[in-house]
Protein backbone atom coordinates (compact mmCIF):
# COMPACT_ATOMS: atom_id res chain seq x y z
CA MET A 1 147.92 64.36 122.68
CA MET A 2 147.89 67.57 120.73
CA LEU A 3 145.03 68.47 118.40
CA SER A 4 145.45 71.05 115.74
CA THR A 5 143.12 72.61 113.24
CA LEU A 6 144.07 73.72 109.77
CA VAL A 7 141.95 76.52 108.39
CA SER A 8 142.14 77.47 104.76
CA ALA A 9 141.02 80.97 103.94
CA LEU A 10 139.72 80.95 100.39
CA PRO A 11 138.26 84.08 98.87
CA VAL A 12 134.48 84.01 98.93
CA ASN A 13 132.40 85.95 96.41
CA MET A 14 129.84 87.74 98.56
CA GLN A 15 127.88 89.81 96.04
CA VAL A 16 125.08 91.84 97.49
CA ARG A 17 121.78 90.66 96.08
CA ASP A 18 118.39 92.32 96.34
CA VAL A 19 114.94 90.88 96.77
CA PHE A 20 112.77 91.75 93.76
CA VAL A 21 109.01 92.02 94.32
CA PRO A 22 107.55 93.21 90.99
CA PRO A 23 103.92 94.37 91.14
CA ILE A 24 101.53 92.27 89.02
CA THR A 25 99.74 94.44 86.45
CA LEU A 26 97.51 91.72 84.90
CA PRO A 27 95.22 90.20 85.92
CA LYS A 28 93.73 93.13 87.76
CA GLU A 29 90.51 93.64 89.68
CA GLY A 30 87.56 93.14 87.31
CA THR A 31 89.47 90.78 84.99
CA VAL A 32 87.50 87.74 83.79
CA TRP A 33 89.26 84.63 82.47
CA LYS A 34 87.53 81.66 80.83
CA VAL A 35 88.63 78.08 81.54
CA GLY A 36 90.85 76.71 78.75
CA THR A 37 91.84 80.09 77.29
CA LYS A 38 95.37 81.45 77.09
CA GLN A 39 95.98 84.59 79.15
CA ASN A 40 98.93 86.86 79.79
CA VAL A 41 100.16 87.44 83.32
CA THR A 42 102.16 90.69 83.38
CA TRP A 43 104.28 92.45 86.00
CA ASP A 44 106.35 95.63 86.21
CA THR A 45 110.11 95.09 85.92
CA SER A 46 111.06 98.78 85.68
CA ASP A 47 112.58 98.87 89.19
CA ALA A 48 114.47 95.57 89.02
CA PRO A 49 117.74 95.56 90.97
CA THR A 50 121.00 94.61 89.27
CA GLN A 51 121.53 91.49 91.39
CA ILE A 52 118.35 89.49 91.97
CA THR A 53 118.48 86.76 94.60
CA ASN A 54 116.29 84.35 92.58
CA PRO A 55 115.67 85.30 88.93
CA ILE A 56 113.66 82.15 88.14
CA GLY A 57 109.91 82.78 88.08
CA ARG A 58 106.92 80.65 89.00
CA ILE A 59 103.23 81.52 88.54
CA ILE A 60 100.72 79.98 90.94
CA LEU A 61 96.93 80.22 90.99
CA SER A 62 95.37 81.07 94.35
CA LYS A 63 91.70 80.67 95.29
CA GLY A 64 90.37 82.26 98.45
CA GLY A 65 93.94 82.79 99.62
CA LEU A 66 94.93 79.11 99.19
CA LEU A 67 97.88 78.54 96.85
CA ASP A 68 97.82 75.60 94.43
CA LEU A 69 101.56 74.93 94.74
CA ASP A 70 101.26 71.43 93.25
CA ASN A 71 100.02 72.75 89.89
CA PRO A 72 101.96 75.86 88.84
CA LEU A 73 100.60 77.64 85.78
CA ALA A 74 104.20 78.37 84.70
CA ASP A 75 107.64 77.60 86.07
CA GLY A 76 111.30 78.14 85.21
CA PHE A 77 111.12 81.43 83.28
CA ASP A 78 113.22 84.59 83.66
CA ILE A 79 111.50 86.91 86.16
CA LEU A 80 112.71 89.90 84.12
CA LEU A 81 110.50 88.94 81.13
CA GLY A 82 107.66 90.99 82.60
CA GLU A 83 105.00 88.72 81.12
CA PHE A 84 104.20 85.06 80.58
CA GLU A 85 101.33 83.30 78.84
CA VAL A 86 99.40 80.71 80.85
CA THR A 87 96.47 78.41 80.10
CA VAL A 88 93.54 78.85 82.46
CA PRO A 89 93.03 75.49 84.19
CA ASP A 90 89.71 73.67 84.52
CA VAL A 91 88.72 75.04 87.91
CA GLU A 92 85.47 75.85 89.70
CA PRO A 93 84.03 79.19 88.49
CA ALA A 94 84.48 81.85 91.18
CA ASP A 95 85.44 85.47 91.76
CA ASP A 96 88.13 84.98 94.42
CA TYR A 97 91.11 83.89 92.31
CA ALA A 98 94.50 85.62 92.34
CA ILE A 99 97.84 85.04 90.65
CA VAL A 100 100.95 84.75 92.80
CA LEU A 101 104.30 85.43 91.14
CA PHE A 102 107.28 83.81 92.81
CA GLY A 103 110.92 84.61 92.22
CA ASP A 104 112.64 86.19 95.19
CA SER A 105 109.35 86.40 97.04
CA GLY A 106 105.65 86.04 96.36
CA ASN A 107 103.56 88.89 95.05
CA ALA A 108 99.80 88.49 94.56
CA SER A 109 97.51 90.10 92.03
CA PRO A 110 94.15 91.56 93.02
CA GLN A 111 91.32 89.03 93.01
CA PHE A 112 89.69 88.30 89.65
CA THR A 113 87.07 85.94 88.16
CA ILE A 114 87.39 82.64 86.34
CA GLU A 115 84.29 81.44 84.41
CA ALA A 116 83.50 78.10 82.78
């Protein structure tokens, strides 16, 4: 019995894509947000590569280094916008919150405060 394999060589588009890790500019250290208010999260897009691996952004609140992945503050926006408005959730007042911006990778802001 003879087995044979047929291989089809189709052209594959193998564009080089870069990981984009934009630094968060707001909130910054010393920022104070109040529960229920609308706040802008901003990040620097000046060094964005031409081909971004994942251009879809997601903003997550972190407290004490723990990410609240189940309750994103924003999701599904273009990472090249450079800013997005979020509503501050009803969370425990504390000074160890951070914003994590996901797209290609996660980038965290400095810690800031959320008050009631």
